[in-house]
Amino acid sequence: MSNYVAIIEKSRTGFSAYVPDLPGCFAAASSLAEIKTLIRSTVVFHVECLREEGQPIPEPSIAAVVEVTA
């Protein structure tokens, strides 16, 4: 099992998400709950396609949430 970082952004119509370690892996949805579910299944599908095509599976990056007090 791997843990990939997904960047979730608010848009005018809902949310979008992408996975920096997996170029071309992105999703859009109308709610935060929906985008979390959708990007998870998109990552699984993306990795399965890479395997089927004999492509290397990129290693996940390490990420951290940085708390900043302004």
PDB file of N, CA and C in Angstrom:
ATOM      1  N   MET A   1       0.846  -1.183   0.000  1.00  0.00           N
ATOM      2  CA  MET A   1       0.000   0.000   0.000  1.00  0.00           C
ATOM      3  C   MET A   1       0.887   1.240   0.000  1.00  0.00           C
ATOM      4  N   SER A   2       0.510   2.230  -0.793  1.00  0.00           N
ATOM      5  CA  SER A   2       1.249   3.489  -0.865  1.00  0.00           C
ATOM      6  C   SER A   2       0.326   4.637  -0.501  1.00  0.00           C
ATOM      7  N   ASN A   3       0.903   5.683   0.030  1.00  0.00           N
ATOM      8  CA  ASN A   3       0.155   6.896   0.363  1.00  0.00           C
ATOM      9  C   ASN A   3       0.654   8.035  -0.506  1.00  0.00           C
ATOM     10  N   TYR A   4      -0.149   8.421  -1.487  1.00  0.00           N
ATOM     11  CA  TYR A   4       0.200   9.526  -2.366  1.00  0.00           C
ATOM     12  C   TYR A   4      -0.414  10.822  -1.842  1.00  0.00           C
ATOM     13  N   VAL A   5       0.283  11.913  -2.037  1.00  0.00           N
ATOM     14  CA  VAL A   5      -0.215  13.230  -1.658  1.00  0.00           C
ATOM     15  C   VAL A   5      -1.176  13.715  -2.743  1.00  0.00           C
ATOM     16  N   ALA A   6      -2.364  14.129  -2.317  1.00  0.00           N
ATOM     17  CA  ALA A   6      -3.340  14.726  -3.233  1.00  0.00           C
ATOM     18  C   ALA A   6      -3.543  16.175  -2.812  1.00  0.00           C
ATOM     19  N   ILE A   7      -3.428  17.070  -3.755  1.00  0.00           N
ATOM     20  CA  ILE A   7      -3.668  18.486  -3.511  1.00  0.00           C
ATOM     21  C   ILE A   7      -5.123  18.775  -3.871  1.00  0.00           C
ATOM     22  N   ILE A   8      -5.885  19.274  -2.909  1.00  0.00           N
ATOM     23  CA  ILE A   8      -7.290  19.584  -3.132  1.00  0.00           C
ATOM     24  C   ILE A   8      -7.443  21.104  -3.114  1.00  0.00           C
ATOM     25  N   GLU A   9      -8.101  21.616  -4.141  1.00  0.00           N
ATOM     26  CA  GLU A   9      -8.297  23.057  -4.265  1.00  0.00           C
ATOM     27  C   GLU A   9      -9.780  23.368  -4.442  1.00  0.00           C
ATOM     28  N   LYS A  10     -10.216  24.446  -3.857  1.00  0.00           N
ATOM     29  CA  LYS A  10     -11.594  24.919  -4.032  1.00  0.00           C
ATOM     30  C   LYS A  10     -11.670  25.629  -5.380  1.00  0.00           C
ATOM     31  N   SER A  11     -12.745  25.365  -6.104  1.00  0.00           N
ATOM     32  CA  SER A  11     -12.968  26.039  -7.387  1.00  0.00           C
ATOM     33  C   SER A  11     -14.296  26.795  -7.326  1.00  0.00           C
ATOM     34  N   ARG A  12     -14.633  27.461  -8.406  1.00  0.00           N
ATOM     35  CA  ARG A  12     -15.903  28.209  -8.431  1.00  0.00           C
ATOM     36  C   ARG A  12     -17.110  27.288  -8.331  1.00  0.00           C
ATOM     37  N   THR A  13     -16.967  26.066  -8.817  1.00  0.00           N
ATOM     38  CA  THR A  13     -18.104  25.148  -8.865  1.00  0.00           C
ATOM     39  C   THR A  13     -17.980  23.961  -7.913  1.00  0.00           C
ATOM     40  N   GLY A  14     -16.932  23.882  -7.125  1.00  0.00           N
ATOM     41  CA  GLY A  14     -16.753  22.757  -6.216  1.00  0.00           C
ATOM     42  C   GLY A  14     -15.311  22.599  -5.803  1.00  0.00           C
ATOM     43  N   PHE A  15     -14.736  21.449  -6.124  1.00  0.00           N
ATOM     44  CA  PHE A  15     -13.364  21.148  -5.742  1.00  0.00           C
ATOM     45  C   PHE A  15     -12.657  20.405  -6.873  1.00  0.00           C
ATOM     46  N   SER A  16     -11.350  20.586  -6.934  1.00  0.00           N
ATOM     47  CA  SER A  16     -10.526  19.800  -7.853  1.00  0.00           C
ATOM     48  C   SER A  16      -9.367  19.228  -7.047  1.00  0.00           C
ATOM     49  N   ALA A  17      -8.779  18.169  -7.562  1.00  0.00           N
ATOM     50  CA  ALA A  17      -7.651  17.541  -6.883  1.00  0.00           C
ATOM     51  C   ALA A  17      -6.697  16.969  -7.923  1.00  0.00           C
ATOM     52  N   TYR A  18      -5.434  16.942  -7.572  1.00  0.00           N
ATOM     53  CA  TYR A  18      -4.430  16.312  -8.424  1.00  0.00           C
ATOM     54  C   TYR A  18      -3.362  15.688  -7.542  1.00  0.00           C
ATOM     55  N   VAL A  19      -2.619  14.751  -8.126  1.00  0.00           N
ATOM     56  CA  VAL A  19      -1.574  14.029  -7.412  1.00  0.00           C
ATOM     57  C   VAL A  19      -0.249  14.351  -8.095  1.00  0.00           C
ATOM     58  N   PRO A  20       0.596  15.178  -7.464  1.00  0.00           N
ATOM     59  CA  PRO A  20       1.839  15.611  -8.106  1.00  0.00           C
ATOM     60  C   PRO A  20       2.760  14.466  -8.537  1.00  0.00           C
ATOM     61  N   ASP A  21       2.745  13.369  -7.811  1.00  0.00           N
ATOM     62  CA  ASP A  21       3.625  12.244  -8.150  1.00  0.00           C
ATOM     63  C   ASP A  21       3.118  11.414  -9.321  1.00  0.00           C
ATOM     64  N   LEU A  22       1.860  11.633  -9.721  1.00  0.00           N
ATOM     65  CA  LEU A  22       1.266  10.859 -10.810  1.00  0.00           C
ATOM     66  C   LEU A  22       0.737  11.825 -11.876  1.00  0.00           C
ATOM     67  N   PRO A  23       1.601  12.294 -12.774  1.00  0.00           N
ATOM     68  CA  PRO A  23       1.175  13.245 -13.797  1.00  0.00           C
ATOM     69  C   PRO A  23      -0.055  12.744 -14.556  1.00  0.00           C
ATOM     70  N   GLY A  24      -1.027  13.631 -14.710  1.00  0.00           N
ATOM     71  CA  GLY A  24      -2.256  13.278 -15.403  1.00  0.00           C
ATOM     72  C   GLY A  24      -3.333  12.712 -14.493  1.00  0.00           C
ATOM     73  N   CYS A  25      -3.032  12.573 -13.215  1.00  0.00           N
ATOM     74  CA  CYS A  25      -3.995  12.031 -12.260  1.00  0.00           C
ATOM     75  C   CYS A  25      -4.693  13.200 -11.564  1.00  0.00           C
ATOM     76  N   PHE A  26      -5.951  13.444 -11.957  1.00  0.00           N
ATOM     77  CA  PHE A  26      -6.692  14.565 -11.400  1.00  0.00           C
ATOM     78  C   PHE A  26      -8.181  14.244 -11.406  1.00  0.00           C
ATOM     79  N   ALA A  27      -8.951  15.021 -10.640  1.00  0.00           N
ATOM     80  CA  ALA A  27     -10.396  14.817 -10.561  1.00  0.00           C
ATOM     81  C   ALA A  27     -11.063  16.130 -10.182  1.00  0.00           C
ATOM     82  N   ALA A  28     -12.370  16.189 -10.406  1.00  0.00           N
ATOM     83  CA  ALA A  28     -13.177  17.349 -10.015  1.00  0.00           C
ATOM     84  C   ALA A  28     -14.506  16.836  -9.479  1.00  0.00           C
ATOM     85  N   ALA A  29     -15.029  17.545  -8.473  1.00  0.00           N
ATOM     86  CA  ALA A  29     -16.292  17.140  -7.864  1.00  0.00           C
ATOM     87  C   ALA A  29     -16.964  18.358  -7.240  1.00  0.00           C
ATOM     88  N   SER A  30     -18.219  18.202  -6.865  1.00  0.00           N
ATOM     89  CA  SER A  30     -18.967  19.326  -6.314  1.00  0.00           C
ATOM     90  C   SER A  30     -18.825  19.479  -4.800  1.00  0.00           C
ATOM     91  N   SER A  31     -18.379  18.425  -4.096  1.00  0.00           N
ATOM     92  CA  SER A  31     -18.248  18.530  -2.641  1.00  0.00           C
ATOM     93  C   SER A  31     -16.889  18.004  -2.194  1.00  0.00           C
ATOM     94  N   LEU A  32     -16.497  18.398  -1.002  1.00  0.00           N
ATOM     95  CA  LEU A  32     -15.224  17.946  -0.447  1.00  0.00           C
ATOM     96  C   LEU A  32     -15.238  16.437  -0.221  1.00  0.00           C
ATOM     97  N   ALA A  33     -16.310  15.917   0.319  1.00  0.00           N
ATOM     98  CA  ALA A  33     -16.406  14.468   0.546  1.00  0.00           C
ATOM     99  C   ALA A  33     -16.295  13.709  -0.773  1.00  0.00           C
ATOM    100  N   GLU A  34     -16.959  14.211  -1.798  1.00  0.00           N
ATOM    101  CA  GLU A  34     -16.943  13.561  -3.103  1.00  0.00           C
ATOM    102  C   GLU A  34     -15.544  13.589  -3.730  1.00  0.00           C
ATOM    103  N   ILE A  35     -14.845  14.713  -3.621  1.00  0.00           N
ATOM    104  CA  ILE A  35     -13.521  14.794  -4.238  1.00  0.00           C
ATOM    105  C   ILE A  35     -12.539  13.860  -3.540  1.00  0.00           C
ATOM    106  N   LYS A  36     -12.661  13.703  -2.235  1.00  0.00           N
ATOM    107  CA  LYS A  36     -11.773  12.785  -1.511  1.00  0.00           C
ATOM    108  C   LYS A  36     -11.980  11.346  -1.977  1.00  0.00           C
ATOM    109  N   THR A  37     -13.228  10.964  -2.142  1.00  0.00           N
ATOM    110  CA  THR A  37     -13.532   9.617  -2.638  1.00  0.00           C
ATOM    111  C   THR A  37     -13.077   9.441  -4.074  1.00  0.00           C
ATOM    112  N   LEU A  38     -13.355  10.439  -4.896  1.00  0.00           N
ATOM    113  CA  LEU A  38     -13.044  10.356  -6.319  1.00  0.00           C
ATOM    114  C   LEU A  38     -11.541  10.326  -6.579  1.00  0.00           C
ATOM    115  N   ILE A  39     -10.766  11.164  -5.884  1.00  0.00           N
ATOM    116  CA  ILE A  39      -9.324  11.171  -6.147  1.00  0.00           C
ATOM    117  C   ILE A  39      -8.695   9.863  -5.678  1.00  0.00           C
ATOM    118  N   ARG A  40      -9.215   9.287  -4.604  1.00  0.00           N
ATOM    119  CA  ARG A  40      -8.704   7.992  -4.142  1.00  0.00           C
ATOM    120  C   ARG A  40      -8.897   6.923  -5.217  1.00  0.00           C
ATOM    121  N   SER A  41     -10.100   6.838  -5.775  1.00  0.00           N
ATOM    122  CA  SER A  41     -10.350   5.833  -6.807  1.00  0.00           C
ATOM    123  C   SER A  41      -9.593   6.153  -8.092  1.00  0.00           C
ATOM    124  N   THR A  42      -9.378   7.429  -8.365  1.00  0.00           N
ATOM    125  CA  THR A  42      -8.603   7.823  -9.545  1.00  0.00           C
ATOM    126  C   THR A  42      -7.146   7.396  -9.417  1.00  0.00           C
ATOM    127  N   VAL A  43      -6.573   7.511  -8.221  1.00  0.00           N
ATOM    128  CA  VAL A  43      -5.193   7.071  -7.994  1.00  0.00           C
ATOM    129  C   VAL A  43      -5.091   5.561  -8.209  1.00  0.00           C
ATOM    130  N   VAL A  44      -6.038   4.810  -7.656  1.00  0.00           N
ATOM    131  CA  VAL A  44      -6.028   3.349  -7.830  1.00  0.00           C
ATOM    132  C   VAL A  44      -6.078   3.004  -9.311  1.00  0.00           C
ATOM    133  N   PHE A  45      -6.981   3.625 -10.049  1.00  0.00           N
ATOM    134  CA  PHE A  45      -7.117   3.367 -11.478  1.00  0.00           C
ATOM    135  C   PHE A  45      -5.850   3.749 -12.233  1.00  0.00           C
ATOM    136  N   HIS A  46      -5.272   4.890 -11.895  1.00  0.00           N
ATOM    137  CA  HIS A  46      -4.060   5.383 -12.560  1.00  0.00           C
ATOM    138  C   HIS A  46      -2.901   4.392 -12.373  1.00  0.00           C
ATOM    139  N   VAL A  47      -2.717   3.945 -11.145  1.00  0.00           N
ATOM    140  CA  VAL A  47      -1.629   3.000 -10.854  1.00  0.00           C
ATOM    141  C   VAL A  47      -1.878   1.663 -11.565  1.00  0.00           C
ATOM    142  N   GLU A  48      -3.126   1.202 -11.579  1.00  0.00           N
ATOM    143  CA  GLU A  48      -3.449  -0.039 -12.292  1.00  0.00           C
ATOM    144  C   GLU A  48      -3.125   0.080 -13.781  1.00  0.00           C
ATOM    145  N   CYS A  49      -3.444   1.215 -14.376  1.00  0.00           N
ATOM    146  CA  CYS A  49      -3.139   1.433 -15.801  1.00  0.00           C
ATOM    147  C   CYS A  49      -1.636   1.434 -16.052  1.00  0.00           C
ATOM    148  N   LEU A  50      -0.874   2.087 -15.173  1.00  0.00           N
ATOM    149  CA  LEU A  50       0.583   2.078 -15.329  1.00  0.00           C
ATOM    150  C   LEU A  50       1.117   0.654 -15.274  1.00  0.00           C
ATOM    151  N   ARG A  51       0.615  -0.147 -14.329  1.00  0.00           N
ATOM    152  CA  ARG A  51       1.056  -1.554 -14.216  1.00  0.00           C
ATOM    153  C   ARG A  51       0.731  -2.326 -15.492  1.00  0.00           C
ATOM    154  N   GLU A  52      -0.507  -2.183 -15.971  1.00  0.00           N
ATOM    155  CA  GLU A  52      -0.937  -2.903 -17.170  1.00  0.00           C
ATOM    156  C   GLU A  52      -0.077  -2.545 -18.383  1.00  0.00           C
ATOM    157  N   GLU A  53       0.376  -1.299 -18.443  1.00  0.00           N
ATOM    158  CA  GLU A  53       1.192  -0.844 -19.564  1.00  0.00           C
ATOM    159  C   GLU A  53       2.679  -1.125 -19.359  1.00  0.00           C
ATOM    160  N   GLY A  54       3.018  -1.716 -18.228  1.00  0.00           N
ATOM    161  CA  GLY A  54       4.423  -2.015 -17.943  1.00  0.00           C
ATOM    162  C   GLY A  54       5.247  -0.790 -17.596  1.00  0.00           C
ATOM    163  N   GLN A  55       4.581   0.284 -17.206  1.00  0.00           N
ATOM    164  CA  GLN A  55       5.269   1.528 -16.850  1.00  0.00           C
ATOM    165  C   GLN A  55       5.695   1.487 -15.380  1.00  0.00           C
ATOM    166  N   PRO A  56       6.745   2.205 -15.029  1.00  0.00           N
ATOM    167  CA  PRO A  56       7.151   2.259 -13.622  1.00  0.00           C
ATOM    168  C   PRO A  56       6.107   3.016 -12.787  1.00  0.00           C
ATOM    169  N   ILE A  57       5.954   2.579 -11.553  1.00  0.00           N
ATOM    170  CA  ILE A  57       5.041   3.240 -10.615  1.00  0.00           C
ATOM    171  C   ILE A  57       5.876   4.231  -9.800  1.00  0.00           C
ATOM    172  N   PRO A  58       5.606   5.530  -9.900  1.00  0.00           N
ATOM    173  CA  PRO A  58       6.382   6.512  -9.145  1.00  0.00           C
ATOM    174  C   PRO A  58       6.245   6.306  -7.635  1.00  0.00           C
ATOM    175  N   GLU A  59       7.340   6.508  -6.943  1.00  0.00           N
ATOM    176  CA  GLU A  59       7.322   6.460  -5.486  1.00  0.00           C
ATOM    177  C   GLU A  59       6.599   7.694  -4.957  1.00  0.00           C
ATOM    178  N   PRO A  60       5.812   7.534  -3.894  1.00  0.00           N
ATOM    179  CA  PRO A  60       5.141   8.699  -3.319  1.00  0.00           C
ATOM    180  C   PRO A  60       6.135   9.639  -2.634  1.00  0.00           C
ATOM    181  N   SER A  61       5.848  10.923  -2.745  1.00  0.00           N
ATOM    182  CA  SER A  61       6.652  11.918  -2.028  1.00  0.00           C
ATOM    183  C   SER A  61       6.233  11.954  -0.572  1.00  0.00           C
ATOM    184  N   ILE A  62       7.063  12.536   0.229  1.00  0.00           N
ATOM    185  CA  ILE A  62       6.737  12.770   1.628  1.00  0.00           C
ATOM    186  C   ILE A  62       6.250  14.203   1.740  1.00  0.00           C
ATOM    187  N   ALA A  63       5.173  14.418   2.455  1.00  0.00           N
ATOM    188  CA  ALA A  63       4.608  15.755   2.602  1.00  0.00           C
ATOM    189  C   ALA A  63       4.276  16.019   4.059  1.00  0.00           C
ATOM    190  N   ALA A  64       4.150  17.276   4.364  1.00  0.00           N
ATOM    191  CA  ALA A  64       3.761  17.678   5.711  1.00  0.00           C
ATOM    192  C   ALA A  64       2.858  18.894   5.623  1.00  0.00           C
ATOM    193  N   VAL A  65       1.974  19.000   6.574  1.00  0.00           N
ATOM    194  CA  VAL A  65       1.153  20.190   6.707  1.00  0.00           C
ATOM    195  C   VAL A  65       1.914  21.120   7.647  1.00  0.00           C
ATOM    196  N   VAL A  66       2.130  22.343   7.205  1.00  0.00           N
ATOM    197  CA  VAL A  66       2.885  23.306   7.983  1.00  0.00           C
ATOM    198  C   VAL A  66       1.921  24.327   8.572  1.00  0.00           C
ATOM    199  N   GLU A  67       1.884  24.394   9.886  1.00  0.00           N
ATOM    200  CA  GLU A  67       1.014  25.361  10.569  1.00  0.00           C
ATOM    201  C   GLU A  67       1.755  26.683  10.701  1.00  0.00           C
ATOM    202  N   VAL A  68       1.096  27.754  10.290  1.00  0.00           N
ATOM    203  CA  VAL A  68       1.703  29.082  10.342  1.00  0.00           C
ATOM    204  C   VAL A  68       0.763  30.003  11.109  1.00  0.00           C
ATOM    205  N   THR A  69       1.306  30.689  12.088  1.00  0.00           N
ATOM    206  CA  THR A  69       0.546  31.676  12.826  1.00  0.00           C
ATOM    207  C   THR A  69       0.967  33.047  12.358  1.00  0.00           C
ATOM    208  N   ALA A  70       0.018  33.792  11.845  1.00  0.00           N
ATOM    209  CA  ALA A  70       0.360  35.122  11.314  1.00  0.00           C
ATOM    210  C   ALA A  70       0.013  36.213  12.299  1.00  0.00           C
TER     211      ALA A  70
END
